[in-house]
């Protein structure tokens, strides 16, 4: 192992240790160890893997801290792999010199608004484990091209300015696992993808919270922006994702380029998460082939879920509720616009306030077609349970829509409004509502086999 103290680093928090640590990288054996201490840096530590060979950087069980006092990343690891992750695409030199560069058990702290933690370019199997990055602009930044990234058991916390915890910045990257991490208090985004070509991203078992900006529009705990590039084949599973209300904010936001097929962002599974306390819990815009199952949604101050210009999205077996102990002027509810071929099934919504006296409801669908709303239970909505406007060739069946309050306020259970044609409303159990007409369907729709509860 190469001990940076043997190359002159002091770790006293005052001395500039940049040259000593860079010297240890350049002349050491690749296994760089920082003993306990505070190491002051005034420029990035550059590690060119093709020149230095296989590299690991360890902070002695987390007792070492790098203080980056200038702009740029504290650690910059650069490889030369420029092709896919197919074993046949690797040069022998990459396996011999560059595979699995590792940063572990180390703290990185920033001291300027332009300071970043770790930057990766051209790496293969980069592994970041047990690392704490705080007070940085970007915690981990991926640029240009990388393959097979693992970020595990790490804390990316309290970023500076419009911070991003893990930033996929116009990168071509397949196979990424972000597992068991705490990514919090980054004002712009906890995890953000922009302008990238990404495949096979797994975000699992993380606590991703309070990544919000009350003073600027558009922030998110997880923000996948494929309006440039494509982002497909991913999983967001078993995470707690929560924040506070901010303008245009979302817990999870996935958006693709607006195309007829909505095919630039999709093939995602969002499963088993808790999403709560933002303007919108889940925003899908121009997405295709997304499955949203087994999640708990709470405290959507504007909406729980918004689907816009989506194709073939399945939202099933989720709860939309609030803990009576929690306050806040929440709205909750599901809004779908300009979408087709979507399924909303086996959803439980209670005490939603979405919609208004004249239109809208707990589940509201506008300007869409081939929708299936089935086996949902909508209890005590403020305005109405299910509302369809300018919707065609769709089905509402097997749902229960009731107002159980001592003084009911629900206007009607199901309403098909202006432009709704060729739809089927069947086999639902509904309350009468204050208008006395539980199902309002107009002409051009089929209403059959529904049961109206009168008591």
Protein backbone atom coordinates (compact mmCIF):
# COMPACT_ATOMS: atom_id res chain seq x y z
CA UNK A 1 0.00 0.00 0.00
CA UNK A 2 1.02 3.59 -0.62
CA UNK A 3 0.70 5.77 2.46
CA UNK A 4 0.35 9.44 1.50
CA UNK A 5 2.22 10.43 4.66
CA UNK A 6 5.32 8.79 3.17
CA UNK A 7 5.13 11.34 0.34
CA UNK A 8 4.88 14.37 2.59
CA UNK A 9 1.14 14.75 3.19
CA UNK A 10 0.43 16.07 6.70
CA UNK A 11 -3.34 15.74 7.11
CA UNK A 12 -3.33 18.66 9.53
CA UNK A 13 -6.12 20.56 7.75
CA UNK A 14 -3.88 23.60 7.17
CA UNK A 15 -1.04 22.49 4.91
CA UNK A 16 -1.71 22.22 1.18
CA UNK A 17 -1.34 18.46 0.65
CA UNK A 18 -2.22 18.48 -3.06
CA UNK A 19 1.30 17.97 -4.42
CA UNK A 20 2.09 15.27 -1.88
CA UNK A 21 -1.04 13.26 -2.65
CA UNK A 22 -0.60 13.67 -6.40
CA UNK A 23 3.01 12.51 -5.99
CA UNK A 24 1.77 9.44 -4.09
CA UNK A 25 -0.62 8.70 -6.97
CA UNK A 26 2.08 9.13 -9.60
CA UNK A 27 4.78 7.14 -7.82
CA UNK A 28 2.84 4.70 -5.65
CA UNK A 29 1.72 1.13 -6.20
CA UNK A 30 -1.96 1.93 -6.88
CA UNK A 31 -3.33 1.12 -3.41
CA UNK A 32 -3.45 4.65 -2.02
CA UNK A 33 -4.19 4.98 1.71
CA UNK A 34 -4.96 8.19 3.59
CA UNK A 35 -4.46 7.72 7.34
CA UNK A 36 -6.77 9.62 9.73
CA UNK A 37 -6.57 13.36 9.15
CA UNK A 38 -7.82 16.35 7.18
CA UNK A 39 -6.07 16.76 3.82
CA UNK A 40 -6.33 20.17 2.18
CA UNK A 41 -6.51 20.26 -1.65
CA UNK A 42 -6.18 23.25 -3.94
CA UNK A 43 -6.68 21.42 -7.25
CA UNK A 44 -8.10 18.07 -8.34
CA UNK A 45 -6.17 14.87 -7.77
CA UNK A 46 -5.95 13.45 -11.32
CA UNK A 47 -5.71 9.70 -11.79
CA UNK A 48 -5.13 8.59 -15.39
CA UNK A 49 -5.76 4.89 -15.14
CA UNK A 50 -3.96 3.94 -18.36
CA UNK A 51 -0.78 5.46 -16.92
CA UNK A 52 -1.11 4.69 -13.22
CA UNK A 53 -2.68 1.24 -13.51
CA UNK A 54 -5.19 -0.42 -11.21
CA UNK A 55 -6.14 2.05 -8.49
CA UNK A 56 -7.87 2.13 -5.14
CA UNK A 57 -8.16 5.05 -2.75
CA UNK A 58 -9.05 4.37 0.86
CA UNK A 59 -9.65 6.73 3.74
CA UNK A 60 -8.84 4.33 6.58
CA UNK A 61 -12.39 3.40 7.48
CA UNK A 62 -13.76 6.91 6.94
CA UNK A 63 -11.34 8.65 9.31
CA UNK A 64 -9.66 10.62 6.49
CA UNK A 65 -11.19 13.73 4.97
CA UNK A 66 -10.27 15.59 1.78
CA UNK A 67 -10.98 19.33 1.99
CA UNK A 68 -11.32 20.67 -1.57
CA UNK A 69 -10.81 24.45 -1.39
CA UNK A 70 -11.12 25.32 -5.10
CA UNK A 71 -13.46 24.52 -7.99
CA UNK A 72 -13.54 21.17 -9.76
CA UNK A 73 -13.57 17.63 -8.37
CA UNK A 74 -11.47 16.54 -5.44
CA UNK A 75 -10.81 13.25 -7.26
CA UNK A 76 -10.91 12.83 -11.02
CA UNK A 77 -10.53 9.31 -12.39
CA UNK A 78 -10.04 8.99 -16.15
CA UNK A 79 -9.98 5.77 -18.15
CA UNK A 80 -9.79 5.00 -21.84
CA UNK A 81 -12.62 2.52 -22.39
CA UNK A 82 -14.64 3.85 -25.33
CA UNK A 83 -16.87 0.96 -26.37
CA UNK A 84 -19.68 -1.16 -24.91
CA UNK A 85 -19.72 -3.51 -21.92
CA UNK A 86 -19.55 -6.58 -24.14
CA UNK A 87 -16.45 -8.55 -23.08
CA UNK A 88 -15.37 -8.69 -26.72
CA UNK A 89 -15.20 -4.89 -26.83
CA UNK A 90 -12.49 -4.49 -24.20
CA UNK A 91 -8.88 -3.89 -25.03
CA UNK A 92 -6.51 -6.10 -23.06
CA UNK A 93 -4.91 -2.97 -21.65
CA UNK A 94 -8.18 -1.92 -20.00
CA UNK A 95 -8.44 -5.21 -18.10
CA UNK A 96 -4.74 -5.12 -17.27
CA UNK A 97 -4.54 -1.49 -16.12
CA UNK A 98 -7.93 0.13 -15.59
CA UNK A 99 -10.64 -2.24 -14.34
CA UNK A 100 -12.56 -1.42 -11.16
CA UNK A 101 -11.02 1.81 -9.90
CA UNK A 102 -12.25 2.07 -6.31
CA UNK A 103 -12.83 4.90 -3.86
CA UNK A 104 -13.85 3.75 -0.39
CA UNK A 105 -14.16 4.75 3.26
CA UNK A 106 -13.36 8.41 2.62
CA UNK A 107 -14.95 11.80 3.29
CA UNK A 108 -14.81 14.61 0.75
CA UNK A 109 -15.88 18.11 1.82
CA UNK A 110 -16.18 21.12 -0.47
CA UNK A 111 -15.41 24.73 0.37
CA UNK A 112 -16.67 26.59 -2.74
CA UNK A 113 -19.84 26.59 -4.80
CA UNK A 114 -17.89 25.08 -7.73
CA UNK A 115 -16.36 22.20 -5.77
CA UNK A 116 -17.30 18.66 -6.80
CA UNK A 117 -16.62 15.37 -5.06
CA UNK A 118 -15.69 12.64 -7.56
CA UNK A 119 -15.67 12.84 -11.36
CA UNK A 120 -15.50 9.75 -13.58
CA UNK A 121 -14.70 9.61 -17.30
CA UNK A 122 -13.93 6.59 -19.47
CA UNK A 123 -13.98 4.19 -16.52
CA UNK A 124 -14.90 0.51 -16.45
CA UNK A 125 -16.41 -0.97 -13.27
CA UNK A 126 -15.77 2.11 -11.15
CA UNK A 127 -16.76 1.34 -7.56
CA UNK A 128 -17.59 3.95 -4.93
CA UNK A 129 -18.30 2.44 -1.52
CA UNK A 130 -18.66 3.81 1.98
CA UNK A 131 -17.91 7.38 0.87
CA UNK A 132 -19.29 10.60 2.36
CA UNK A 133 -19.46 13.64 0.07
CA UNK A 134 -20.82 16.86 1.52
CA UNK A 135 -20.95 20.58 0.79
CA UNK A 136 -20.15 19.96 -2.88
CA UNK A 137 -21.90 21.18 -6.03
CA UNK A 138 -21.95 17.67 -7.52
CA UNK A 139 -21.32 14.70 -5.29
CA UNK A 140 -20.49 12.19 -8.04
CA UNK A 141 -20.37 13.38 -11.64
CA UNK A 142 -20.28 11.09 -14.70
CA UNK A 143 -19.19 12.58 -18.02
CA UNK A 144 -18.68 11.46 -21.62
CA UNK A 145 -18.55 7.65 -21.36
CA UNK A 146 -18.38 5.07 -18.58
CA UNK A 147 -19.46 1.47 -18.08
CA UNK A 148 -20.61 -0.70 -15.17
CA UNK A 149 -20.76 1.79 -12.31
CA UNK A 150 -21.43 0.81 -8.69
CA UNK A 151 -22.22 3.38 -5.97
CA UNK A 152 -22.97 1.61 -2.70
CA UNK A 153 -23.41 2.35 1.00
CA UNK A 154 -22.48 5.99 0.59
CA UNK A 155 -23.70 9.35 1.87
CA UNK A 156 -24.06 12.27 -0.52
CA UNK A 157 -25.29 15.06 1.64
CA UNK A 158 -25.97 18.78 1.94
CA UNK A 159 -24.71 20.08 -1.37
CA UNK A 160 -23.74 23.65 -2.13
CA UNK A 161 -25.91 25.95 -4.21
CA UNK A 162 -28.09 24.27 -6.86
CA UNK A 163 -26.49 20.96 -5.95
CA UNK A 164 -26.93 17.52 -7.51
CA UNK A 165 -26.01 14.41 -5.57
CA UNK A 166 -25.28 11.98 -8.42
CA UNK A 167 -25.09 13.73 -11.80
CA UNK A 168 -25.19 11.86 -15.12
CA UNK A 169 -24.00 14.80 -17.20
CA UNK A 170 -24.28 14.08 -20.93
CA UNK A 171 -22.78 10.65 -20.44
CA UNK A 172 -23.05 7.39 -22.36
CA UNK A 173 -23.35 4.79 -19.63
CA UNK A 174 -24.83 1.32 -19.39
CA UNK A 175 -25.14 -0.76 -16.22
CA UNK A 176 -25.34 1.40 -13.11
CA UNK A 177 -26.29 0.31 -9.59
CA UNK A 178 -26.95 2.89 -6.87
CA UNK A 179 -27.59 0.78 -3.78
CA UNK A 180 -28.07 1.44 -0.08
CA UNK A 181 -27.17 5.12 -0.23
CA UNK A 182 -28.30 8.23 1.61
CA UNK A 183 -28.67 11.07 -0.92
CA UNK A 184 -30.13 14.13 0.72
CA UNK A 185 -30.28 17.91 0.93
CA UNK A 186 -29.12 18.67 -2.60
CA UNK A 187 -31.28 21.61 -3.63
CA UNK A 188 -31.60 20.87 -7.36
CA UNK A 189 -31.73 17.07 -7.47
CA UNK A 190 -30.66 14.02 -5.54
CA UNK A 191 -30.02 12.02 -8.71
CA UNK A 192 -30.22 13.72 -12.10
CA UNK A 193 -29.72 12.55 -15.68
CA UNK A 194 -29.50 15.11 -18.47
CA UNK A 195 -28.54 14.84 -22.16
CA UNK A 196 -27.38 11.26 -21.75
CA UNK A 197 -27.62 7.81 -23.34
CA UNK A 198 -28.37 5.52 -20.40
CA UNK A 199 -29.45 1.92 -20.08
CA UNK A 200 -29.83 -0.42 -17.11
CA UNK A 201 -29.95 1.94 -14.12
CA UNK A 202 -30.98 0.46 -10.78
CA UNK A 203 -31.74 2.72 -7.79
CA UNK A 204 -32.47 0.39 -4.89
CA UNK A 205 -32.74 0.52 -1.13
CA UNK A 206 -31.82 4.18 -0.77
CA UNK A 207 -33.01 7.05 1.38
CA UNK A 208 -33.38 9.96 -1.06
CA UNK A 209 -34.86 12.92 0.74
CA UNK A 210 -35.13 16.69 1.00
CA UNK A 211 -33.64 17.36 -2.41
CA UNK A 212 -35.78 20.42 -3.08
CA UNK A 213 -35.47 24.13 -3.74
CA UNK A 214 -38.22 26.39 -2.37
CA UNK A 215 -36.80 29.41 -4.22
CA UNK A 216 -36.44 28.03 -7.77
CA UNK A 217 -38.78 26.14 -10.13
CA UNK A 218 -38.17 22.49 -10.94
CA UNK A 219 -36.31 20.31 -8.50
CA UNK A 220 -36.60 16.59 -7.82
CA UNK A 221 -35.26 13.83 -5.63
CA UNK A 222 -34.85 11.69 -8.77
CA UNK A 223 -34.93 13.55 -12.10
CA UNK A 224 -34.51 11.64 -15.35
CA UNK A 225 -34.46 14.15 -18.20
CA UNK A 226 -34.38 12.49 -21.62
CA UNK A 227 -35.53 15.47 -23.66
CA UNK A 228 -32.06 15.16 -25.15
CA UNK A 229 -30.73 11.60 -25.50
CA UNK A 230 -32.54 8.45 -24.37
CA UNK A 231 -32.91 6.83 -20.97
CA UNK A 232 -34.40 3.33 -20.87
CA UNK A 233 -34.38 0.12 -18.85
CA UNK A 234 -34.29 1.07 -15.21
CA UNK A 235 -35.64 0.32 -11.78
CA UNK A 236 -36.48 2.53 -8.82
CA UNK A 237 -37.27 0.07 -6.04
CA UNK A 238 -37.54 -0.07 -2.24
CA UNK A 239 -36.54 3.53 -1.60
CA UNK A 240 -37.87 6.19 0.73
CA UNK A 241 -38.18 9.34 -1.39
CA UNK A 242 -39.51 12.47 0.28
CA UNK A 243 -38.96 16.20 0.34
CA UNK A 244 -40.89 19.41 1.01
CA UNK A 245 -43.15 21.35 -1.31
CA UNK A 246 -41.30 23.44 -3.86
CA UNK A 247 -42.46 25.11 -7.11
CA UNK A 248 -42.64 22.50 -9.87
CA UNK A 249 -41.01 19.97 -7.55
CA UNK A 250 -41.35 16.19 -7.78
CA UNK A 251 -40.17 13.21 -5.81
CA UNK A 252 -39.57 11.28 -9.06
CA UNK A 253 -39.65 12.99 -12.45
CA UNK A 254 -39.09 11.17 -15.74
CA UNK A 255 -39.53 13.08 -18.98
CA UNK A 256 -38.70 12.30 -22.58
CA UNK A 257 -38.67 14.23 -25.81
CA UNK A 258 -42.19 14.92 -27.04
CA UNK A 259 -42.63 12.47 -29.93
CA UNK A 260 -45.65 10.66 -31.35
CA UNK A 261 -44.49 7.37 -29.81
CA UNK A 262 -43.17 8.80 -26.51
CA UNK A 263 -40.21 6.47 -26.91
CA UNK A 264 -37.17 8.33 -25.57
CA UNK A 265 -37.78 7.55 -21.88
CA UNK A 266 -39.28 4.29 -20.72
CA UNK A 267 -39.07 0.61 -19.87
CA UNK A 268 -38.94 1.56 -16.20
CA UNK A 269 -40.20 -0.20 -13.09
CA UNK A 270 -41.06 1.94 -10.07
CA UNK A 271 -41.85 -0.52 -7.31
CA UNK A 272 -42.12 -0.70 -3.54
CA UNK A 273 -41.18 2.89 -2.74
CA UNK A 274 -42.55 5.49 -0.35
CA UNK A 275 -43.01 8.78 -2.25
CA UNK A 276 -44.26 11.75 -0.29
CA UNK A 277 -44.30 15.45 0.50
CA UNK A 278 -43.73 17.32 -2.75
CA UNK A 279 -45.80 19.28 -5.24
CA UNK A 280 -46.01 16.09 -7.32
CA UNK A 281 -44.95 12.70 -6.05
CA UNK A 282 -44.47 11.13 -9.51
CA UNK A 283 -44.36 13.00 -12.82
CA UNK A 284 -44.11 11.02 -16.06
CA UNK A 285 -44.00 13.08 -19.22
CA UNK A 286 -43.61 11.60 -22.72
CA UNK A 287 -42.75 8.17 -21.30
CA UNK A 288 -43.46 4.71 -22.68
CA UNK A 289 -43.60 1.30 -21.04
CA UNK A 290 -43.49 2.25 -17.35
CA UNK A 291 -44.76 0.03 -14.53
CA UNK A 292 -45.69 1.67 -11.20
CA UNK A 293 -46.66 -0.95 -8.62
CA UNK A 294 -46.73 -1.51 -4.88
CA UNK A 295 -45.83 2.05 -3.86
CA UNK A 296 -47.11 4.24 -1.05
CA UNK A 297 -47.96 7.80 -2.10
CA UNK A 298 -48.64 10.52 0.47
CA UNK A 299 -48.89 14.29 0.70
CA UNK A 300 -48.89 15.25 -2.97
CA UNK A 301 -49.49 18.96 -2.50
CA UNK A 302 -50.60 19.37 -6.13
CA UNK A 303 -50.99 15.77 -7.30
CA UNK A 304 -49.81 12.30 -6.38
CA UNK A 305 -49.24 11.20 -9.99
CA UNK A 306 -49.25 13.16 -13.23
CA UNK A 307 -49.02 11.39 -16.60
CA UNK A 308 -48.65 13.59 -19.67
CA UNK A 309 -48.25 12.37 -23.25
CA UNK A 310 -47.52 8.84 -22.06
CA UNK A 311 -48.03 5.49 -23.76
CA UNK A 312 -48.48 2.07 -22.20
CA UNK A 313 -48.10 2.96 -18.54
CA UNK A 314 -49.38 0.57 -15.86
CA UNK A 315 -50.20 2.03 -12.43
CA UNK A 316 -51.40 -0.78 -10.17
CA UNK A 317 -51.71 -1.81 -6.53
CA UNK A 318 -50.64 1.46 -4.95
CA UNK A 319 -52.05 3.37 -1.99
CA UNK A 320 -52.72 7.11 -1.99
CA UNK A 321 -53.26 8.13 1.58
CA UNK A 322 -52.10 10.41 4.33
CA UNK A 323 -51.29 9.81 7.94
CA UNK A 324 -53.81 11.76 10.01
CA UNK A 325 -50.89 12.89 12.19
CA UNK A 326 -49.39 14.77 9.24
CA UNK A 327 -50.52 18.29 8.37
CA UNK A 328 -50.14 20.29 5.19
CA UNK A 329 -52.44 21.50 2.47
CA UNK A 330 -52.16 18.34 0.38
CA UNK A 331 -54.28 17.62 -2.72
CA UNK A 332 -53.23 14.12 -3.85
CA UNK A 333 -55.01 12.37 -6.74
CA UNK A 334 -54.06 11.22 -10.24
CA UNK A 335 -54.13 13.32 -13.41
CA UNK A 336 -53.67 11.86 -16.91
CA UNK A 337 -53.46 14.02 -20.04
CA UNK A 338 -52.87 13.33 -23.74
CA UNK A 339 -52.07 9.67 -23.14
CA UNK A 340 -53.06 6.31 -24.60
CA UNK A 341 -53.05 2.63 -23.73
CA UNK A 342 -52.63 3.13 -19.98
CA UNK A 343 -54.02 1.08 -17.08
CA UNK A 344 -54.95 2.34 -13.60
CA UNK A 345 -55.85 -0.72 -11.54
CA UNK A 346 -56.33 -1.79 -7.92
CA UNK A 347 -55.60 1.65 -6.52
CA UNK A 348 -56.73 2.82 -3.11
CA UNK A 349 -57.34 6.57 -2.81
CA UNK A 350 -58.79 8.16 0.30
CA UNK A 351 -59.78 11.75 1.04
CA UNK A 352 -58.31 13.24 -2.13
CA UNK A 353 -58.96 16.91 -2.86
CA UNK A 354 -58.06 17.05 -6.55
CA UNK A 355 -60.49 18.47 -9.07
CA UNK A 356 -62.98 21.27 -8.55
CA UNK A 357 -66.68 21.95 -8.26
CA UNK A 358 -67.23 21.87 -12.04
CA UNK A 359 -64.68 19.29 -13.24
CA UNK A 360 -61.96 16.87 -12.19
CA UNK A 361 -61.72 14.34 -9.43
CA UNK A 362 -59.56 11.89 -7.52
CA UNK A 363 -58.75 10.13 -10.82
CA UNK A 364 -59.08 12.53 -13.73
CA UNK A 365 -58.29 11.79 -17.36
CA UNK A 366 -58.27 14.33 -20.20
CA UNK A 367 -57.80 14.03 -23.98
CA UNK A 368 -56.80 10.38 -23.87
CA UNK A 369 -57.81 7.02 -25.33
CA UNK A 370 -57.69 3.29 -24.60
CA UNK A 371 -57.62 3.82 -20.86
CA UNK A 372 -58.60 1.10 -18.38
CA UNK A 373 -59.59 2.20 -14.87
CA UNK A 374 -60.41 -1.00 -13.03
CA UNK A 375 -60.91 -2.32 -9.51
CA UNK A 376 -60.01 0.94 -7.81
CA UNK A 377 -61.38 2.04 -4.46
CA UNK A 378 -61.95 5.78 -4.18
CA UNK A 379 -63.19 6.82 -0.78
CA UNK A 380 -64.35 10.24 0.42
CA UNK A 381 -63.19 12.37 -2.54
CA UNK A 382 -63.85 16.08 -2.14
CA UNK A 383 -65.33 16.54 -5.63
CA UNK A 384 -65.82 13.28 -7.50
CA UNK A 385 -64.17 9.90 -7.75
CA UNK A 386 -63.49 9.38 -11.45
CA UNK A 387 -63.68 12.06 -14.14
CA UNK A 388 -63.15 11.57 -17.88
CA UNK A 389 -63.14 14.45 -20.36
CA UNK A 390 -62.51 14.07 -24.11
CA UNK A 391 -61.68 10.41 -23.51
CA UNK A 392 -62.39 7.70 -26.08
CA UNK A 393 -62.53 3.90 -26.18
CA UNK A 394 -61.92 3.52 -22.47
CA UNK A 395 -63.34 1.50 -19.61
CA UNK A 396 -64.25 2.17 -16.00
CA UNK A 397 -65.18 -1.10 -14.31
CA UNK A 398 -65.21 -2.84 -10.96
CA UNK A 399 -64.51 0.35 -8.98
CA UNK A 400 -65.93 1.42 -5.63
CA UNK A 401 -66.55 5.17 -5.26
CA UNK A 402 -68.15 6.22 -1.98
CA UNK A 403 -68.49 9.25 0.26
CA UNK A 404 -68.75 7.90 3.82
CA UNK A 405 -68.71 11.22 5.67
CA UNK A 406 -71.56 12.16 7.96
CA UNK A 407 -72.21 15.15 5.70
CA UNK A 408 -71.33 14.05 2.14
CA UNK A 409 -69.63 16.53 -0.20
CA UNK A 410 -68.87 14.33 -3.25
CA UNK A 411 -70.83 15.76 -6.18
CA UNK A 412 -71.02 12.55 -8.21
CA UNK A 413 -69.07 9.30 -8.24
CA UNK A 414 -68.21 8.98 -11.94
CA UNK A 415 -68.59 11.66 -14.60
CA UNK A 416 -67.91 11.43 -18.33
CA UNK A 417 -67.79 15.01 -19.56
CA UNK A 418 -67.39 16.93 -22.80
CA UNK A 419 -66.04 14.89 -25.71
CA UNK A 420 -66.19 11.51 -23.96
CA UNK A 421 -67.32 8.93 -26.56
CA UNK A 422 -67.30 5.17 -26.99
CA UNK A 423 -66.55 4.39 -23.35
CA UNK A 424 -67.85 1.63 -21.09
CA UNK A 425 -68.81 2.16 -17.44
CA UNK A 426 -69.79 -1.17 -15.90
CA UNK A 427 -69.88 -3.15 -12.69
CA UNK A 428 -69.06 -0.30 -10.34
CA UNK A 429 -70.31 0.23 -6.79
CA UNK A 430 -71.00 3.93 -6.29
CA UNK A 431 -72.52 6.40 -3.86
CA UNK A 432 -75.22 8.76 -5.00
CA UNK A 433 -73.42 12.04 -4.45
CA UNK A 434 -74.87 15.46 -3.68
CA UNK A 435 -76.21 15.94 -7.22
CA UNK A 436 -78.34 12.81 -6.84
CA UNK A 437 -76.98 11.42 -10.09
CA UNK A 438 -74.12 9.03 -9.20
CA UNK A 439 -72.94 8.32 -12.76
CA UNK A 440 -73.10 11.06 -15.38
CA UNK A 441 -72.17 9.67 -18.78
CA UNK A 442 -73.91 11.78 -21.44
CA UNK A 443 -74.50 10.25 -24.86
CA UNK A 444 -72.26 7.95 -26.87
CA UNK A 445 -71.16 5.89 -23.87
CA UNK A 446 -72.40 2.61 -22.40
CA UNK A 447 -73.38 2.45 -18.71
CA UNK A 448 -74.41 -1.00 -17.46
CA UNK A 449 -74.50 -3.24 -14.42
CA UNK A 450 -73.56 -0.61 -11.83
CA UNK A 451 -74.85 -0.64 -8.24
CA UNK A 452 -75.84 2.53 -6.43
CA UNK A 453 -75.46 2.50 -2.65
CA UNK A 454 -78.22 4.49 -0.98
CA UNK A 455 -77.20 4.16 2.66
